[in-house]
Protein backbone atom coordinates (compact mmCIF):
# COMPACT_ATOMS: atom_id res chain seq x y z
CA UNK A 1 -26.21 42.36 -22.15
CA UNK A 2 -24.08 41.92 -19.02
CA UNK A 3 -27.03 40.40 -17.15
CA UNK A 4 -27.58 37.90 -19.97
CA UNK A 5 -23.94 36.87 -19.95
CA UNK A 6 -23.97 36.45 -16.15
CA UNK A 7 -27.05 34.23 -16.43
CA UNK A 8 -25.35 32.05 -19.01
CA UNK A 9 -22.23 31.74 -16.92
CA UNK A 10 -24.16 30.91 -13.76
CA UNK A 11 -26.05 28.16 -15.61
CA UNK A 12 -22.88 26.77 -17.16
CA UNK A 13 -21.75 23.19 -16.75
CA UNK A 14 -18.41 21.47 -16.64
CA UNK A 15 -17.65 18.59 -18.98
CA UNK A 16 -15.98 15.59 -17.37
CA UNK A 17 -13.51 13.42 -19.28
CA UNK A 18 -12.96 9.70 -19.50
CA UNK A 19 -9.95 8.05 -21.11
CA UNK A 20 -9.19 10.13 -24.22
CA UNK A 21 -9.63 8.42 -27.58
CA UNK A 22 -11.29 5.33 -26.06
CA UNK A 23 -14.97 6.22 -26.50
CA UNK A 24 -15.67 3.09 -28.59
CA UNK A 25 -14.72 0.80 -25.70
CA UNK A 26 -16.27 2.79 -22.85
CA UNK A 27 -18.60 -0.09 -22.04
CA UNK A 28 -15.67 -2.46 -21.59
CA UNK A 29 -13.75 0.11 -19.55
CA UNK A 30 -16.75 0.43 -17.22
CA UNK A 31 -16.47 -3.23 -16.16
CA UNK A 32 -13.32 -2.84 -13.98
CA UNK A 33 -14.75 0.36 -12.50
CA UNK A 34 -17.96 -1.50 -11.60
CA UNK A 35 -15.89 -4.25 -9.97
CA UNK A 36 -13.83 -1.69 -8.03
CA UNK A 37 -17.04 0.01 -6.86
CA UNK A 38 -18.69 -3.22 -5.71
CA UNK A 39 -15.56 -4.56 -3.99
CA UNK A 40 -14.88 -1.22 -2.26
CA UNK A 41 -18.45 -0.88 -0.97
CA UNK A 42 -18.92 -4.54 0.05
CA UNK A 43 -15.38 -4.96 1.40
CA UNK A 44 -15.40 -1.90 3.62
CA UNK A 45 -18.97 -2.64 4.77
CA UNK A 46 -17.92 -6.18 5.78
CA UNK A 47 -14.96 -4.75 7.72
CA UNK A 48 -17.33 -2.45 9.62
CA UNK A 49 -19.79 -5.27 10.28
CA UNK A 50 -17.12 -7.64 11.62
CA UNK A 51 -15.57 -4.99 13.88
CA UNK A 52 -19.00 -3.98 15.22
CA UNK A 53 -20.21 -7.52 15.93
CA UNK A 54 -17.00 -8.98 17.38
CA UNK A 55 -16.34 -7.60 20.92
CA UNK A 56 -12.72 -8.80 20.79
CA UNK A 57 -12.08 -6.26 18.00
CA UNK A 58 -13.24 -3.26 20.04
CA UNK A 59 -9.63 -2.15 20.41
CA UNK A 60 -7.88 1.06 19.23
CA UNK A 61 -6.26 -0.52 16.14
CA UNK A 62 -9.60 -1.82 14.85
CA UNK A 63 -11.48 1.35 15.76
CA UNK A 64 -9.03 3.32 13.62
CA UNK A 65 -9.51 0.72 10.87
CA UNK A 66 -13.29 1.22 11.04
CA UNK A 67 -12.78 5.00 10.74
CA UNK A 68 -10.68 4.37 7.64
CA UNK A 69 -13.37 2.09 6.18
CA UNK A 70 -16.08 4.74 6.70
CA UNK A 71 -13.91 7.37 4.99
CA UNK A 72 -13.18 5.03 2.08
CA UNK A 73 -16.90 4.31 1.69
CA UNK A 74 -17.51 8.05 1.47
CA UNK A 75 -14.79 8.49 -1.18
CA UNK A 76 -16.16 5.61 -3.27
CA UNK A 77 -19.75 6.87 -3.11
CA UNK A 78 -18.65 10.42 -3.95
CA UNK A 79 -16.55 9.60 -7.01
CA UNK A 80 -17.31 6.27 -8.71
CA UNK A 81 -20.98 6.95 -9.68
CA UNK A 82 -19.78 9.99 -11.68
CA UNK A 83 -17.10 7.87 -13.37
CA UNK A 84 -19.59 5.12 -14.22
CA UNK A 85 -21.99 7.73 -15.62
CA UNK A 86 -19.37 8.71 -18.19
CA UNK A 87 -18.47 5.18 -19.29
CA UNK A 88 -21.96 3.65 -19.18
CA UNK A 89 -24.20 6.53 -20.30
CA UNK A 90 -21.76 9.10 -21.75
CA UNK A 91 -23.09 11.51 -19.09
CA UNK A 92 -20.28 14.08 -19.07
CA UNK A 93 -22.08 17.20 -17.89
CA UNK A 94 -22.00 18.29 -14.26
CA UNK A 95 -23.46 21.54 -12.97
CA UNK A 96 -21.26 24.06 -11.17
CA UNK A 97 -22.99 23.52 -7.82
CA UNK A 98 -22.76 19.72 -8.11
CA UNK A 99 -19.10 20.03 -9.08
CA UNK A 100 -18.33 22.29 -6.12
CA UNK A 101 -20.13 19.90 -3.75
CA UNK A 102 -18.24 16.91 -5.16
CA UNK A 103 -14.82 18.53 -4.84
CA UNK A 104 -15.66 19.58 -1.27
CA UNK A 105 -16.37 15.98 -0.26
CA UNK A 106 -13.43 14.56 -2.22
CA UNK A 107 -10.89 16.91 -0.63
CA UNK A 108 -12.35 16.84 2.89
CA UNK A 109 -12.57 13.02 2.93
CA UNK A 110 -9.03 12.76 1.52
CA UNK A 111 -7.76 15.03 4.28
CA UNK A 112 -9.66 13.00 6.89
CA UNK A 113 -8.15 9.78 5.50
CA UNK A 114 -4.70 11.34 5.78
CA UNK A 115 -5.43 12.16 9.43
CA UNK A 116 -6.65 8.62 10.15
CA UNK A 117 -3.47 7.17 8.65
CA UNK A 118 -1.56 9.45 11.05
CA UNK A 119 -3.63 8.16 13.99
CA UNK A 120 -2.89 4.58 12.90
CA UNK A 121 0.84 5.39 12.81
CA UNK A 122 0.55 6.81 16.33
CA UNK A 123 -1.27 3.64 17.40
CA UNK A 124 1.58 1.47 16.09
CA UNK A 125 4.17 3.73 17.74
CA UNK A 126 2.53 3.45 21.18
CA UNK A 127 1.94 -0.31 20.80
CA UNK A 128 5.58 -1.02 19.92
CA UNK A 129 7.49 1.58 21.95
CA UNK A 130 5.40 1.47 25.14
CA UNK A 131 3.13 -1.61 25.10
CA UNK A 132 2.50 -1.58 28.87
CA UNK A 133 0.86 1.87 28.65
CA UNK A 134 -0.97 1.17 25.38
CA UNK A 135 -4.42 0.67 26.97
CA UNK A 136 -4.06 3.70 29.24
CA UNK A 137 -2.86 6.04 26.47
CA UNK A 138 -5.38 5.07 23.78
CA UNK A 139 -8.62 5.02 25.74
CA UNK A 140 -11.97 5.06 23.93
CA UNK A 141 -12.84 8.66 24.98
CA UNK A 142 -9.42 9.87 23.81
CA UNK A 143 -9.80 8.04 20.48
CA UNK A 144 -13.25 9.60 20.00
CA UNK A 145 -11.88 13.09 20.70
CA UNK A 146 -8.94 12.66 18.30
CA UNK A 147 -11.22 11.28 15.59
CA UNK A 148 -13.72 14.13 16.00
CA UNK A 149 -10.92 16.71 15.97
CA UNK A 150 -9.48 15.41 12.70
CA UNK A 151 -12.91 15.13 11.05
CA UNK A 152 -13.67 18.74 11.98
CA UNK A 153 -10.22 19.82 10.77
CA UNK A 154 -10.82 18.23 7.38
CA UNK A 155 -14.30 19.71 6.90
CA UNK A 156 -13.53 23.18 8.28
CA UNK A 157 -10.38 23.74 6.22
CA UNK A 158 -12.08 22.50 3.03
CA UNK A 159 -15.32 24.43 3.61
CA UNK A 160 -14.11 27.73 2.00
CA UNK A 161 -13.09 26.05 -1.29
CA UNK A 162 -16.56 25.91 -2.96
CA UNK A 163 -17.27 29.52 -1.98
CA UNK A 164 -13.89 30.71 -3.27
CA UNK A 165 -14.66 29.00 -6.59
CA UNK A 166 -18.26 30.20 -6.74
CA UNK A 167 -17.20 33.85 -6.91
CA UNK A 168 -15.42 33.26 -10.23
CA UNK A 169 -16.78 33.55 -13.76
CA UNK A 170 -15.97 30.57 -15.98
CA UNK A 171 -15.65 31.77 -19.55
CA UNK A 172 -13.17 29.22 -20.91
CA UNK A 173 -13.89 25.82 -22.47
CA UNK A 174 -15.10 24.18 -19.27
CA UNK A 175 -13.59 20.75 -19.95
CA UNK A 176 -12.08 18.97 -16.96
CA UNK A 177 -9.37 16.39 -17.54
CA UNK A 178 -10.76 14.01 -14.89
CA UNK A 179 -14.00 12.09 -14.41
CA UNK A 180 -14.73 14.10 -11.26
CA UNK A 181 -14.07 17.59 -9.90
CA UNK A 182 -10.88 18.70 -8.14
CA UNK A 183 -10.17 22.17 -6.77
CA UNK A 184 -6.81 22.55 -8.50
CA UNK A 185 -8.32 21.89 -11.89
CA UNK A 186 -11.58 23.83 -11.56
CA UNK A 187 -9.81 27.00 -10.43
CA UNK A 188 -7.60 26.92 -13.54
CA UNK A 189 -10.72 27.25 -15.72
CA UNK A 190 -11.70 30.59 -14.15
CA UNK A 191 -11.19 33.77 -16.17
CA UNK A 192 -10.34 35.70 -12.99
CA UNK A 193 -7.36 36.12 -10.69
CA UNK A 194 -6.94 32.78 -8.86
CA UNK A 195 -4.07 33.81 -6.59
CA UNK A 196 -6.10 33.51 -3.37
CA UNK A 197 -7.42 30.05 -4.34
CA UNK A 198 -3.97 28.85 -5.34
CA UNK A 199 -2.34 30.06 -2.10
CA UNK A 200 -5.13 28.72 0.12
CA UNK A 201 -5.22 25.36 -1.70
CA UNK A 202 -1.46 24.97 -1.33
CA UNK A 203 -1.67 26.05 2.33
CA UNK A 204 -4.25 23.45 3.35
CA UNK A 205 -2.48 20.74 1.32
CA UNK A 206 0.79 21.43 3.13
CA UNK A 207 -0.99 21.76 6.49
CA UNK A 208 -2.92 18.52 6.10
CA UNK A 209 -1.10 16.13 3.76
CA UNK A 210 2.38 17.61 4.25
CA UNK A 211 2.21 17.73 8.05
CA UNK A 212 0.49 14.34 8.38
CA UNK A 213 3.00 12.58 6.11
CA UNK A 214 5.90 14.19 8.00
CA UNK A 215 4.52 13.03 11.36
CA UNK A 216 3.92 9.53 9.96
CA UNK A 217 7.54 9.44 8.78
CA UNK A 218 8.78 10.56 12.21
CA UNK A 219 6.57 7.92 13.88
CA UNK A 220 8.20 5.19 11.82
CA UNK A 221 11.66 6.54 12.54
CA UNK A 222 10.88 6.21 16.25
CA UNK A 223 9.35 2.75 15.69
CA UNK A 224 12.46 1.62 13.82
CA UNK A 225 14.73 2.91 16.59
CA UNK A 226 12.66 1.01 19.17
CA UNK A 227 12.59 -2.19 17.12
CA UNK A 228 16.35 -2.14 16.50
CA UNK A 229 16.90 -2.19 20.27
CA UNK A 230 15.07 -5.53 20.49
CA UNK A 231 17.62 -8.30 20.91
CA UNK A 232 15.69 -11.11 19.23
CA UNK A 233 15.40 -10.93 15.40
CA UNK A 234 12.13 -12.90 15.65
CA UNK A 235 10.55 -10.33 17.94
CA UNK A 236 11.91 -7.57 15.74
CA UNK A 237 10.22 -9.04 12.64
CA UNK A 238 7.00 -9.69 14.56
CA UNK A 239 6.83 -6.05 15.61
CA UNK A 240 7.52 -4.78 12.07
CA UNK A 241 4.93 -7.17 10.59
CA UNK A 242 2.19 -5.32 12.47
CA UNK A 243 3.12 -2.19 10.47
CA UNK A 244 3.27 -3.68 6.95
CA UNK A 245 -0.39 -3.21 6.00
CA UNK A 246 -0.39 0.35 7.32
CA UNK A 247 2.79 1.19 5.41
CA UNK A 248 1.22 -0.15 2.19
CA UNK A 249 -1.86 2.02 2.77
CA UNK A 250 0.34 5.07 3.38
CA UNK A 251 2.33 4.54 0.17
CA UNK A 252 -0.82 3.89 -1.91
CA UNK A 253 -2.49 7.02 -0.54
CA UNK A 254 0.27 9.64 -0.44
CA UNK A 255 2.24 8.78 -3.60
CA UNK A 256 -0.56 9.44 -6.15
CA UNK A 257 -2.02 12.35 -4.13
CA UNK A 258 1.27 14.25 -3.96
CA UNK A 259 2.07 13.36 -7.58
CA UNK A 260 -1.32 14.60 -8.80
CA UNK A 261 -1.03 17.83 -6.82
CA UNK A 262 2.43 18.49 -8.29
CA UNK A 263 1.23 17.75 -11.85
CA UNK A 264 -1.75 20.11 -11.55
CA UNK A 265 0.39 22.97 -10.29
CA UNK A 266 3.71 22.52 -12.08
CA UNK A 267 3.30 19.82 -14.75
CA UNK A 268 1.32 21.67 -17.39
CA UNK A 269 3.26 19.87 -20.14
CA UNK A 270 2.70 16.40 -18.69
CA UNK A 271 0.69 13.90 -20.79
CA UNK A 272 -3.08 14.14 -20.06
CA UNK A 273 -3.29 10.34 -19.82
CA UNK A 274 -0.77 10.37 -16.95
CA UNK A 275 -2.91 12.82 -14.97
CA UNK A 276 -6.08 10.80 -15.62
CA UNK A 277 -4.54 7.46 -14.59
CA UNK A 278 -2.89 9.00 -11.52
CA UNK A 279 -6.25 10.52 -10.59
CA UNK A 280 -7.93 7.11 -10.75
CA UNK A 281 -5.20 5.53 -8.62
CA UNK A 282 -5.44 8.39 -6.10
CA UNK A 283 -9.18 7.98 -5.45
CA UNK A 284 -9.99 4.36 -6.33
CA UNK A 285 -7.08 2.22 -5.14
CA UNK A 286 -6.94 3.16 -1.40
CA UNK A 287 -10.63 2.25 -0.79
CA UNK A 288 -10.15 -0.94 -2.81
């Protein structure tokens, strides 16, 4: 009997969720998601094409931008097809292995994006505080090493998550509140002790997102101190203008990610719709 139950549990699936109570208008809801998908894929691909073909853009700032575009392409390809499957074909089922693979790529790419935003903040700090040494500090080999280091950091720290989840038995109603898989949510459906997963998940979140956001904040404090020493208000504004787009990307990325992480761990009584909408903002808006 135990063997039969184990077989059933191993073959189990998770059920993904769209917007609750809106099944009759799923087709209409799919239209903006299709637009977001197309714009994200085409837009980021065009950015990569322009940077690759224009030699004048082979500079640190644009190399970091191309890294960000590649990461955003990965996030879009990993998540939006699953979302469109729900709204276009009512395809809610996802196998455990597919779910674990999806959450691995979502979390690792999110962590890599966080690291790239940190590198872009460092780029702006060097460009504004020490422009004469900018080219000597951010050389192409050094950029490649930093990029590779942060990519490996994201993948290595996320690698244990699927295996930590795979050892569990899932005997509850396996209904996820999002249209894709996240570690925080999947582990809560296990009928086993999830202490190790919870501690490790919080650890890597603080190590990656917490540390990166803190260093970005400190970078901008140093940038602000440097800019305030500039005598001319025009030069001051010109220097700050180079940071505006990066600051917008930072706010759009970190605000929903931190909010969603807090809701999953401490906001059990929060409205489900709030979690769903915040989840869409977290994964769809930064690539867009």
